[in-house]
């Protein structure tokens, strides 16, 4: 499928998608997460790590709500590679900052089956940080996969293919300010 065909498919998917959480709900979830994170980490100067690409948007909206000193980094892994199903985790970039002795907050868009977050946490813990916490904007409701520790979660979404707020549909629609699900999925 060429780019124009992929684009047309993505546009069709958006035209028929169901809005699961609107922009106001997303903003409220981020506000609540920020309150909890502030209570736990305001005096820790945490290293906040975005999981790219999906964690970029939640991180950018979350950190402006955190009014305390922190540093930012990112890591890049891929399981889906612009497809709708995942495979083995591929590491494209690890954080530049040392995690040793730091309080680390991992920020991602969604916790689905948990394999990606579990492996990321394991890699972070291997560097002897003071602590590792995880924050996701949303978590799918199902009982598949693994459930790594999750300290902060904006809200739950149904077990459907969702996109927006960092999550994509075949590389498109990460930029949407609300959460959508594919019709019938």
C-alpha atoms as a PDB file:
ATOM      1  CA  UNK A   1       0.000   0.000   0.000  1.00  0.00           C
ATOM      2  CA  UNK A   2       1.474   3.400  -0.952  1.00  0.00           C
ATOM      3  CA  UNK A   3       1.365   6.528   1.193  1.00  0.00           C
ATOM      4  CA  UNK A   4      -1.750   7.996  -0.461  1.00  0.00           C
ATOM      5  CA  UNK A   5      -3.659   4.728   0.068  1.00  0.00           C
ATOM      6  CA  UNK A   6      -2.563   4.629   3.727  1.00  0.00           C
ATOM      7  CA  UNK A   7      -3.628   8.240   4.167  1.00  0.00           C
ATOM      8  CA  UNK A   8      -7.035   7.575   2.599  1.00  0.00           C
ATOM      9  CA  UNK A   9      -7.507   4.561   4.893  1.00  0.00           C
ATOM     10  CA  UNK A  10      -6.569   6.637   7.968  1.00  0.00           C
ATOM     11  CA  UNK A  11      -9.012   9.367   6.956  1.00  0.00           C
ATOM     12  CA  UNK A  12     -11.795   6.804   6.488  1.00  0.00           C
ATOM     13  CA  UNK A  13     -11.065   5.266   9.893  1.00  0.00           C
ATOM     14  CA  UNK A  14     -11.293   8.706  11.537  1.00  0.00           C
ATOM     15  CA  UNK A  15     -14.584   9.537   9.802  1.00  0.00           C
ATOM     16  CA  UNK A  16     -16.241   6.481  11.327  1.00  0.00           C
ATOM     17  CA  UNK A  17     -14.396   6.332  14.681  1.00  0.00           C
ATOM     18  CA  UNK A  18     -16.111   6.473  18.058  1.00  0.00           C
ATOM     19  CA  UNK A  19     -14.925   9.155  20.489  1.00  0.00           C
ATOM     20  CA  UNK A  20     -14.126   7.313  23.732  1.00  0.00           C
ATOM     21  CA  UNK A  21     -12.807  10.281  25.795  1.00  0.00           C
ATOM     22  CA  UNK A  22     -13.172  13.859  24.604  1.00  0.00           C
ATOM     23  CA  UNK A  23     -10.602  16.630  25.012  1.00  0.00           C
ATOM     24  CA  UNK A  24     -12.087  17.784  28.332  1.00  0.00           C
ATOM     25  CA  UNK A  25     -11.856  14.268  29.790  1.00  0.00           C
ATOM     26  CA  UNK A  26      -8.241  13.946  28.640  1.00  0.00           C
ATOM     27  CA  UNK A  27      -7.385  17.304  30.235  1.00  0.00           C
ATOM     28  CA  UNK A  28      -9.077  16.311  33.494  1.00  0.00           C
ATOM     29  CA  UNK A  29      -7.193  12.989  33.565  1.00  0.00           C
ATOM     30  CA  UNK A  30      -3.879  14.804  33.040  1.00  0.00           C
ATOM     31  CA  UNK A  31      -4.738  17.267  35.831  1.00  0.00           C
ATOM     32  CA  UNK A  32      -5.436  14.395  38.247  1.00  0.00           C
ATOM     33  CA  UNK A  33      -2.238  12.585  37.265  1.00  0.00           C
ATOM     34  CA  UNK A  34      -0.229  15.777  37.829  1.00  0.00           C
ATOM     35  CA  UNK A  35      -1.653  16.179  41.342  1.00  0.00           C
ATOM     36  CA  UNK A  36      -0.617  12.618  42.259  1.00  0.00           C
ATOM     37  CA  UNK A  37       2.819  12.910  40.649  1.00  0.00           C
ATOM     38  CA  UNK A  38       3.425  16.234  42.398  1.00  0.00           C
ATOM     39  CA  UNK A  39       2.520  14.710  45.768  1.00  0.00           C
ATOM     40  CA  UNK A  40       5.031  11.891  45.211  1.00  0.00           C
ATOM     41  CA  UNK A  41       7.895  13.531  43.333  1.00  0.00           C
ATOM     42  CA  UNK A  42       7.918  17.309  43.888  1.00  0.00           C
ATOM     43  CA  UNK A  43      10.938  17.138  46.183  1.00  0.00           C
ATOM     44  CA  UNK A  44      12.807  14.441  44.197  1.00  0.00           C
ATOM     45  CA  UNK A  45      13.870  16.282  41.002  1.00  0.00           C
ATOM     46  CA  UNK A  46      12.865  13.251  38.918  1.00  0.00           C
ATOM     47  CA  UNK A  47      14.164  12.222  35.534  1.00  0.00           C
ATOM     48  CA  UNK A  48      11.012  12.058  33.411  1.00  0.00           C
ATOM     49  CA  UNK A  49      11.375   9.751  30.424  1.00  0.00           C
ATOM     50  CA  UNK A  50       8.990   9.716  27.468  1.00  0.00           C
ATOM     51  CA  UNK A  51       8.499   6.434  25.643  1.00  0.00           C
ATOM     52  CA  UNK A  52       8.594   7.472  22.005  1.00  0.00           C
ATOM     53  CA  UNK A  53       6.648   7.951  19.916  1.00  0.00           C
ATOM     54  CA  UNK A  54       3.425   7.458  21.848  1.00  0.00           C
ATOM     55  CA  UNK A  55       4.565   9.011  25.129  1.00  0.00           C
ATOM     56  CA  UNK A  56       5.587  12.296  23.501  1.00  0.00           C
ATOM     57  CA  UNK A  57       2.128  13.891  23.563  1.00  0.00           C
ATOM     58  CA  UNK A  58       1.095  12.763  27.080  1.00  0.00           C
ATOM     59  CA  UNK A  59       4.516  13.870  28.400  1.00  0.00           C
ATOM     60  CA  UNK A  60       4.287  17.311  26.810  1.00  0.00           C
ATOM     61  CA  UNK A  61       0.821  17.896  28.277  1.00  0.00           C
ATOM     62  CA  UNK A  62       1.751  16.438  31.655  1.00  0.00           C
ATOM     63  CA  UNK A  63       5.020  18.271  32.368  1.00  0.00           C
ATOM     64  CA  UNK A  64       3.480  21.722  31.987  1.00  0.00           C
ATOM     65  CA  UNK A  65       1.269  20.726  34.930  1.00  0.00           C
ATOM     66  CA  UNK A  66       4.281  19.826  37.109  1.00  0.00           C
ATOM     67  CA  UNK A  67       5.582  22.944  38.854  1.00  0.00           C
ATOM     68  CA  UNK A  68       8.768  21.559  40.351  1.00  0.00           C
ATOM     69  CA  UNK A  69      12.312  20.879  39.109  1.00  0.00           C
ATOM     70  CA  UNK A  70      12.724  17.882  36.825  1.00  0.00           C
ATOM     71  CA  UNK A  71      14.802  16.757  33.883  1.00  0.00           C
ATOM     72  CA  UNK A  72      13.497  15.210  30.695  1.00  0.00           C
ATOM     73  CA  UNK A  73      14.828  12.456  28.469  1.00  0.00           C
ATOM     74  CA  UNK A  74      13.346   9.892  26.149  1.00  0.00           C
ATOM     75  CA  UNK A  75      13.750   6.342  25.018  1.00  0.00           C
ATOM     76  CA  UNK A  76      12.539   4.829  21.808  1.00  0.00           C
ATOM     77  CA  UNK A  77      11.277   1.303  21.440  1.00  0.00           C
ATOM     78  CA  UNK A  78       8.984  -0.167  18.859  1.00  0.00           C
ATOM     79  CA  UNK A  79       6.727  -3.165  18.915  1.00  0.00           C
ATOM     80  CA  UNK A  80       4.078  -2.153  16.378  1.00  0.00           C
ATOM     81  CA  UNK A  81       6.157  -0.353  13.715  1.00  0.00           C
ATOM     82  CA  UNK A  82       3.066   1.420  12.292  1.00  0.00           C
ATOM     83  CA  UNK A  83       0.971  -1.744  12.237  1.00  0.00           C
ATOM     84  CA  UNK A  84      -2.071  -2.601  14.330  1.00  0.00           C
ATOM     85  CA  UNK A  85      -0.488  -5.652  15.991  1.00  0.00           C
ATOM     86  CA  UNK A  86       2.801  -5.940  17.839  1.00  0.00           C
ATOM     87  CA  UNK A  87       5.817  -8.201  17.708  1.00  0.00           C
ATOM     88  CA  UNK A  88       9.092  -8.336  19.628  1.00  0.00           C
ATOM     89  CA  UNK A  89      10.370  -5.152  21.232  1.00  0.00           C
ATOM     90  CA  UNK A  90      13.124  -3.368  19.309  1.00  0.00           C
ATOM     91  CA  UNK A  91      15.270  -0.785  21.148  1.00  0.00           C
ATOM     92  CA  UNK A  92      15.990   2.228  18.952  1.00  0.00           C
ATOM     93  CA  UNK A  93      17.363   4.555  21.681  1.00  0.00           C
ATOM     94  CA  UNK A  94      18.010   4.364  25.403  1.00  0.00           C
ATOM     95  CA  UNK A  95      17.992   7.482  27.628  1.00  0.00           C
ATOM     96  CA  UNK A  96      21.096   9.710  27.513  1.00  0.00           C
ATOM     97  CA  UNK A  97      20.967  10.539  31.233  1.00  0.00           C
ATOM     98  CA  UNK A  98      22.322   8.161  33.823  1.00  0.00           C
ATOM     99  CA  UNK A  99      19.512   6.626  35.868  1.00  0.00           C
ATOM    100  CA  UNK A 100      21.788   5.665  38.774  1.00  0.00           C
ATOM    101  CA  UNK A 101      20.485   7.162  41.999  1.00  0.00           C
ATOM    102  CA  UNK A 102      17.724   9.124  40.211  1.00  0.00           C
ATOM    103  CA  UNK A 103      13.992   8.990  40.776  1.00  0.00           C
ATOM    104  CA  UNK A 104      12.693   7.965  37.357  1.00  0.00           C
ATOM    105  CA  UNK A 105       9.205   8.533  35.942  1.00  0.00           C
ATOM    106  CA  UNK A 106       8.422   6.681  32.714  1.00  0.00           C
ATOM    107  CA  UNK A 107       5.592   8.290  30.705  1.00  0.00           C
ATOM    108  CA  UNK A 108       3.760   6.464  27.923  1.00  0.00           C
ATOM    109  CA  UNK A 109       0.447   6.760  26.130  1.00  0.00           C
ATOM    110  CA  UNK A 110      -1.191   3.415  26.955  1.00  0.00           C
ATOM    111  CA  UNK A 111      -0.765   0.203  28.873  1.00  0.00           C
ATOM    112  CA  UNK A 112      -2.204  -2.555  26.720  1.00  0.00           C
ATOM    113  CA  UNK A 113      -0.707  -5.994  27.317  1.00  0.00           C
ATOM    114  CA  UNK A 114       2.164  -4.579  29.380  1.00  0.00           C
ATOM    115  CA  UNK A 115       5.102  -6.261  27.663  1.00  0.00           C
ATOM    116  CA  UNK A 116       6.722  -3.019  26.500  1.00  0.00           C
ATOM    117  CA  UNK A 117       6.435  -1.270  29.870  1.00  0.00           C
ATOM    118  CA  UNK A 118       7.633  -4.377  31.733  1.00  0.00           C
ATOM    119  CA  UNK A 119      10.781  -4.561  29.602  1.00  0.00           C
ATOM    120  CA  UNK A 120      11.409  -0.821  29.879  1.00  0.00           C
ATOM    121  CA  UNK A 121      11.084  -0.961  33.681  1.00  0.00           C
ATOM    122  CA  UNK A 122      13.445  -3.940  33.820  1.00  0.00           C
ATOM    123  CA  UNK A 123      16.040  -2.025  31.781  1.00  0.00           C
ATOM    124  CA  UNK A 124      15.669   1.047  33.985  1.00  0.00           C
ATOM    125  CA  UNK A 125      15.988  -0.970  37.209  1.00  0.00           C
ATOM    126  CA  UNK A 126      19.215  -2.505  35.906  1.00  0.00           C
ATOM    127  CA  UNK A 127      20.792   0.981  36.147  1.00  0.00           C
ATOM    128  CA  UNK A 128      20.160   1.235  39.943  1.00  0.00           C
ATOM    129  CA  UNK A 129      17.841   4.248  40.117  1.00  0.00           C
ATOM    130  CA  UNK A 130      16.536   5.476  43.476  1.00  0.00           C
ATOM    131  CA  UNK A 131      13.035   4.591  42.247  1.00  0.00           C
ATOM    132  CA  UNK A 132      11.089   3.859  39.064  1.00  0.00           C
ATOM    133  CA  UNK A 133       7.487   4.887  38.600  1.00  0.00           C
ATOM    134  CA  UNK A 134       5.268   4.584  35.534  1.00  0.00           C
ATOM    135  CA  UNK A 135       2.556   6.874  34.222  1.00  0.00           C
ATOM    136  CA  UNK A 136       0.235   6.195  31.306  1.00  0.00           C
ATOM    137  CA  UNK A 137      -2.607   8.310  30.032  1.00  0.00           C
ATOM    138  CA  UNK A 138      -4.760   5.208  29.647  1.00  0.00           C
ATOM    139  CA  UNK A 139      -4.931   1.512  30.358  1.00  0.00           C
ATOM    140  CA  UNK A 140      -6.961  -1.035  28.414  1.00  0.00           C
ATOM    141  CA  UNK A 141      -9.457  -3.150  30.323  1.00  0.00           C
ATOM    142  CA  UNK A 142      -8.651  -6.809  29.739  1.00  0.00           C
ATOM    143  CA  UNK A 143      -6.752  -9.648  31.402  1.00  0.00           C
ATOM    144  CA  UNK A 144      -4.169 -10.481  28.702  1.00  0.00           C
ATOM    145  CA  UNK A 145      -0.426 -10.074  29.003  1.00  0.00           C
ATOM    146  CA  UNK A 146       1.485  -8.900  32.056  1.00  0.00           C
ATOM    147  CA  UNK A 147       0.694  -6.113  34.474  1.00  0.00           C
ATOM    148  CA  UNK A 148       3.864  -4.268  35.451  1.00  0.00           C
ATOM    149  CA  UNK A 149       3.587  -1.786  38.320  1.00  0.00           C
ATOM    150  CA  UNK A 150       1.662   1.299  37.284  1.00  0.00           C
ATOM    151  CA  UNK A 151       1.626   4.197  39.696  1.00  0.00           C
ATOM    152  CA  UNK A 152      -0.294   6.771  37.631  1.00  0.00           C
ATOM    153  CA  UNK A 153      -3.076   6.243  35.116  1.00  0.00           C
ATOM    154  CA  UNK A 154      -5.426   8.827  33.636  1.00  0.00           C
ATOM    155  CA  UNK A 155      -8.276   6.469  32.820  1.00  0.00           C
ATOM    156  CA  UNK A 156      -9.278   3.105  31.415  1.00  0.00           C
ATOM    157  CA  UNK A 157     -10.334   2.488  27.854  1.00  0.00           C
ATOM    158  CA  UNK A 158     -12.258  -0.459  26.456  1.00  0.00           C
ATOM    159  CA  UNK A 159     -10.437  -3.359  24.832  1.00  0.00           C
ATOM    160  CA  UNK A 160     -10.667  -1.835  21.366  1.00  0.00           C
ATOM    161  CA  UNK A 161      -8.129  -0.397  18.947  1.00  0.00           C
ATOM    162  CA  UNK A 162      -7.781   3.191  20.164  1.00  0.00           C
ATOM    163  CA  UNK A 163      -5.867   6.175  18.784  1.00  0.00           C
ATOM    164  CA  UNK A 164      -5.231   9.834  19.535  1.00  0.00           C
ATOM    165  CA  UNK A 165      -3.287  11.516  22.384  1.00  0.00           C
ATOM    166  CA  UNK A 166      -0.071   9.847  21.297  1.00  0.00           C
ATOM    167  CA  UNK A 167      -1.485   6.563  20.015  1.00  0.00           C
ATOM    168  CA  UNK A 168      -1.577   6.082  16.298  1.00  0.00           C
ATOM    169  CA  UNK A 169      -3.527   4.308  13.640  1.00  0.00           C
ATOM    170  CA  UNK A 170      -0.827   2.991  11.278  1.00  0.00           C
ATOM    171  CA  UNK A 171       1.321   6.062  11.900  1.00  0.00           C
ATOM    172  CA  UNK A 172      -1.514   8.625  11.729  1.00  0.00           C
ATOM    173  CA  UNK A 173      -3.633  10.542  14.267  1.00  0.00           C
ATOM    174  CA  UNK A 174      -1.213  10.660  17.254  1.00  0.00           C
ATOM    175  CA  UNK A 175      -1.863  14.409  17.282  1.00  0.00           C
ATOM    176  CA  UNK A 176      -5.576  14.208  18.151  1.00  0.00           C
ATOM    177  CA  UNK A 177      -6.496  15.804  21.508  1.00  0.00           C
ATOM    178  CA  UNK A 178      -9.142  13.158  22.278  1.00  0.00           C
ATOM    179  CA  UNK A 179      -9.244   9.345  22.326  1.00  0.00           C
ATOM    180  CA  UNK A 180     -11.009   7.481  19.516  1.00  0.00           C
ATOM    181  CA  UNK A 181     -11.699   3.834  18.782  1.00  0.00           C
ATOM    182  CA  UNK A 182     -12.033   2.203  15.416  1.00  0.00           C
ATOM    183  CA  UNK A 183     -15.674   1.532  14.605  1.00  0.00           C
ATOM    184  CA  UNK A 184     -16.521  -2.091  15.301  1.00  0.00           C
ATOM    185  CA  UNK A 185     -13.105  -2.838  16.820  1.00  0.00           C
END
